[in-house]
Amino acid sequence: MPYQDGLRCAHNSKNREGDLRAAAPLLGRQIRFVGARNGGELADAFAAAVAQGVGCLVIQNDLLFNSRPDEVSQLAIQHRLPAIYENREDAIAGGLISFGSSQRERYRQAGMYAGRILKGEKPGDLPVIQPTKFELVINLKTAKALGLDVPPTLLARADEVIEYAQIFEAHPCLIANGAGPTSPARRAS
């Protein structure tokens, strides 16, 4: 990804803004926030980001963005903005990179909590468990669409690399319309 002086963060609320503001100077970066409160404001938020000279985006984990992964990733590609997301599903939907806690691990932990509660433990007595397993997912199709070369060292660290055919596997209607290959290709380590 090209060097950028600042990061821009698309967000729907102030729930994590403070943490990001505190982290940016530690990395020698500036951060600005581009907000969208509803789906109707998404396109305007991306246009505003481009008008501000944004070089890349950090898309926060939020109900607004999580409910529209295809739209958000397509807006990022349309505006030629590399973006990092927190959920694997965003990279599958066309986002460039996702890095966040493993959804499978979160579900496993939730199941363990539910089991303990069903066995009689009080929810207030259960410890708060922080995620320990994180996943890095890289979408090569999006990297190519943005004109980015992903370094081999980053690809080697990825838990999953989404290649061209995998996108068509996730969106079968593209295959039905003759838009892509028919054999999925995925590397997971």
Protein backbone atom coordinates (compact mmCIF):
# COMPACT_ATOMS: atom_id res chain seq x y z
CA MET A 1 0.00 0.00 0.00
CA PRO A 2 1.42 3.43 -0.81
CA TYR A 3 2.74 5.48 2.10
CA GLN A 4 0.13 7.82 3.51
CA ASP A 5 0.51 10.71 5.98
CA GLY A 6 -2.87 10.05 7.47
CA LEU A 7 -5.59 7.50 7.84
CA ARG A 8 -9.27 8.13 7.44
CA CYS A 9 -11.81 6.14 9.31
CA ALA A 10 -15.37 5.60 8.18
CA HIS A 11 -17.59 5.38 11.20
CA ASN A 12 -21.19 5.47 12.29
CA SER A 13 -20.75 6.53 15.92
CA LYS A 14 -18.22 7.78 18.41
CA ASN A 15 -17.91 4.41 20.15
CA ARG A 16 -14.23 3.82 19.22
CA GLU A 17 -13.09 7.18 17.96
CA GLY A 18 -11.06 7.94 21.11
CA ASP A 19 -8.95 4.78 20.81
CA LEU A 20 -8.15 5.50 17.17
CA ARG A 21 -7.29 9.14 17.89
CA ALA A 22 -4.89 8.03 20.63
CA ALA A 23 -3.20 5.38 18.45
CA ALA A 24 -2.57 7.52 15.35
CA PRO A 25 0.22 9.74 16.80
CA LEU A 26 1.99 6.66 18.20
CA LEU A 27 2.27 5.48 14.60
CA GLY A 28 3.34 8.91 13.36
CA ARG A 29 0.05 9.39 11.52
CA GLN A 30 -2.86 11.77 11.52
CA ILE A 31 -6.39 10.49 11.50
CA ARG A 32 -9.59 12.10 10.34
CA PHE A 33 -13.07 10.67 10.57
CA VAL A 34 -15.62 10.44 7.78
CA GLY A 35 -19.03 9.68 9.15
CA ALA A 36 -22.14 8.01 7.83
CA ARG A 37 -25.20 7.56 10.02
CA ASN A 38 -27.28 5.56 7.52
CA GLY A 39 -27.03 3.83 4.17
CA GLY A 40 -28.11 6.96 2.31
CA GLU A 41 -25.00 8.77 3.54
CA LEU A 42 -22.44 6.15 2.49
CA ALA A 43 -21.82 7.40 -1.05
CA ASP A 44 -21.49 10.98 0.21
CA ALA A 45 -19.04 9.87 2.92
CA PHE A 46 -16.80 8.20 0.34
CA ALA A 47 -16.99 11.23 -1.95
CA ALA A 48 -16.08 13.47 1.01
CA ALA A 49 -13.12 11.24 1.81
CA VAL A 50 -11.81 11.58 -1.74
CA ALA A 51 -12.35 15.36 -1.64
CA GLN A 52 -10.24 15.50 1.54
CA GLY A 53 -7.39 13.70 -0.19
CA VAL A 54 -7.80 10.42 1.62
CA GLY A 55 -5.28 7.76 0.73
CA CYS A 56 -6.77 4.82 2.63
CA LEU A 57 -9.62 3.91 4.96
CA VAL A 58 -10.11 1.98 8.17
CA ILE A 59 -13.70 0.73 8.17
CA GLN A 60 -14.95 0.21 11.71
CA ASN A 61 -16.89 -2.83 12.79
CA ASP A 62 -20.39 -1.39 12.94
CA LEU A 63 -23.92 -2.52 12.17
CA LEU A 64 -24.24 -0.01 9.31
CA PHE A 65 -21.11 -1.29 7.54
CA ASN A 66 -21.61 -4.94 8.50
CA SER A 67 -25.10 -4.92 6.98
CA ARG A 68 -23.80 -3.56 3.64
CA PRO A 69 -20.44 -5.26 2.95
CA ASP A 70 -20.93 -5.37 -0.83
CA GLU A 71 -21.91 -1.69 -1.05
CA VAL A 72 -19.08 -0.50 1.20
CA SER A 73 -16.41 -2.50 -0.61
CA GLN A 74 -17.70 -1.41 -4.03
CA LEU A 75 -17.66 2.25 -2.95
CA ALA A 76 -14.05 1.83 -1.79
CA ILE A 77 -13.06 0.29 -5.13
CA GLN A 78 -15.06 2.86 -7.13
CA HIS A 79 -13.25 5.69 -5.31
CA ARG A 80 -9.91 3.83 -5.52
CA LEU A 81 -9.50 3.79 -1.74
CA PRO A 82 -7.62 0.89 -0.16
CA ALA A 83 -9.52 -0.10 2.97
CA ILE A 84 -8.99 -2.42 5.90
CA TYR A 85 -11.93 -4.02 7.65
CA GLU A 86 -12.36 -6.03 10.86
CA ASN A 87 -14.46 -8.91 9.52
CA ARG A 88 -13.40 -11.70 7.16
CA GLU A 89 -16.77 -11.38 5.41
CA ASP A 90 -15.87 -7.86 4.27
CA ALA A 91 -12.80 -9.13 2.42
CA ILE A 92 -14.90 -11.87 0.82
CA ALA A 93 -17.42 -9.21 -0.27
CA GLY A 94 -14.63 -7.30 -2.05
CA GLY A 95 -12.76 -5.44 0.68
CA LEU A 96 -8.99 -5.27 0.27
CA ILE A 97 -7.88 -6.57 3.67
CA SER A 98 -9.53 -7.67 6.87
CA PHE A 99 -7.85 -8.15 10.19
CA GLY A 100 -9.83 -9.00 13.26
CA SER A 101 -10.74 -11.62 15.79
CA SER A 102 -11.83 -14.98 14.44
CA GLN A 103 -15.59 -15.19 14.07
CA ARG A 104 -15.46 -18.96 14.60
CA GLU A 105 -13.59 -18.42 17.86
CA ARG A 106 -16.12 -15.78 18.98
CA TYR A 107 -18.99 -18.19 18.30
CA ARG A 108 -17.16 -20.99 20.13
CA GLN A 109 -16.65 -18.75 23.16
CA ALA A 110 -20.32 -17.66 23.08
CA GLY A 111 -21.35 -21.32 23.04
CA MET A 112 -19.13 -22.04 26.03
CA TYR A 113 -20.64 -19.09 27.90
CA ALA A 114 -24.17 -20.27 27.07
CA GLY A 115 -23.32 -23.76 28.30
CA ARG A 116 -21.97 -22.43 31.60
CA ILE A 117 -25.08 -20.29 32.10
CA LEU A 118 -27.38 -23.23 31.30
CA LYS A 119 -25.49 -25.26 33.93
CA GLY A 120 -26.39 -22.62 36.52
CA GLU A 121 -23.51 -20.14 36.59
CA LYS A 122 -24.47 -16.50 36.95
CA PRO A 123 -23.61 -14.39 33.88
CA GLY A 124 -22.17 -11.67 36.14
CA ASP A 125 -19.70 -14.18 37.61
CA LEU A 126 -18.27 -15.22 34.23
CA PRO A 127 -14.95 -13.67 33.27
CA VAL A 128 -14.61 -11.35 30.30
CA ILE A 129 -12.62 -13.18 27.67
CA GLN A 130 -10.56 -11.19 25.20
CA PRO A 131 -10.02 -12.60 21.71
CA THR A 132 -6.79 -14.52 21.27
CA LYS A 133 -7.11 -15.69 17.65
CA PHE A 134 -7.00 -13.11 14.88
CA GLU A 135 -7.31 -13.60 11.12
CA LEU A 136 -5.66 -11.70 8.29
CA VAL A 137 -7.52 -12.04 4.98
CA ILE A 138 -6.30 -10.45 1.73
CA ASN A 139 -8.39 -10.06 -1.42
CA LEU A 140 -6.10 -10.18 -4.46
CA LYS A 141 -8.87 -9.32 -6.90
CA THR A 142 -9.46 -6.04 -5.09
CA ALA A 143 -5.72 -5.36 -4.87
CA LYS A 144 -5.50 -5.75 -8.64
CA ALA A 145 -8.55 -3.50 -9.18
CA LEU A 146 -6.84 -0.82 -7.06
CA GLY A 147 -3.51 -1.27 -8.87
CA LEU A 148 -1.75 -2.50 -5.72
CA ASP A 149 0.93 -5.15 -5.45
CA VAL A 150 0.68 -7.08 -2.20
CA PRO A 151 4.16 -7.96 -0.91
CA PRO A 152 4.88 -11.70 -0.78
CA THR A 153 5.81 -11.38 2.90
CA LEU A 154 2.32 -10.08 3.69
CA LEU A 155 0.71 -12.82 1.59
CA ALA A 156 2.76 -15.40 3.51
CA ARG A 157 1.41 -14.08 6.82
CA ALA A 158 -2.22 -14.13 5.67
CA ASP A 159 -4.54 -16.74 7.10
CA GLU A 160 -6.49 -16.64 3.86
CA VAL A 161 -5.82 -15.20 0.42
CA ILE A 162 -8.90 -14.69 -1.72
CA GLU A 163 -8.12 -15.17 -5.35
CA TYR A 164 -10.22 -14.39 -8.39
CA ALA A 165 -12.32 -17.54 -8.61
CA GLN A 166 -13.25 -17.45 -4.93
CA ILE A 167 -15.12 -14.20 -5.46
CA PHE A 168 -17.31 -15.94 -8.01
CA GLU A 169 -17.87 -18.81 -5.58
CA ALA A 170 -19.23 -16.31 -3.03
CA HIS A 171 -21.42 -14.65 -5.67
CA PRO A 172 -22.78 -17.47 -7.90
CA CYS A 173 -24.88 -15.04 -9.92
CA LEU A 174 -21.64 -13.78 -11.50
CA ILE A 175 -20.89 -17.27 -12.82
CA ALA A 176 -24.44 -17.66 -14.12
CA ASN A 177 -23.95 -14.48 -16.12
CA GLY A 178 -20.70 -15.79 -17.57
CA ALA A 179 -18.61 -13.23 -15.72
CA GLY A 180 -15.98 -15.50 -14.23
CA PRO A 181 -14.22 -18.83 -13.88
CA THR A 182 -15.97 -21.90 -12.60
CA SER A 183 -13.26 -23.45 -10.43
CA PRO A 184 -12.72 -21.86 -7.01
CA ALA A 185 -9.15 -21.18 -5.91
CA ARG A 186 -8.34 -20.51 -2.29
CA ARG A 187 -5.26 -20.83 -0.15
CA ALA A 188 -5.73 -21.13 3.57
CA SER A 189 -2.95 -21.82 6.01
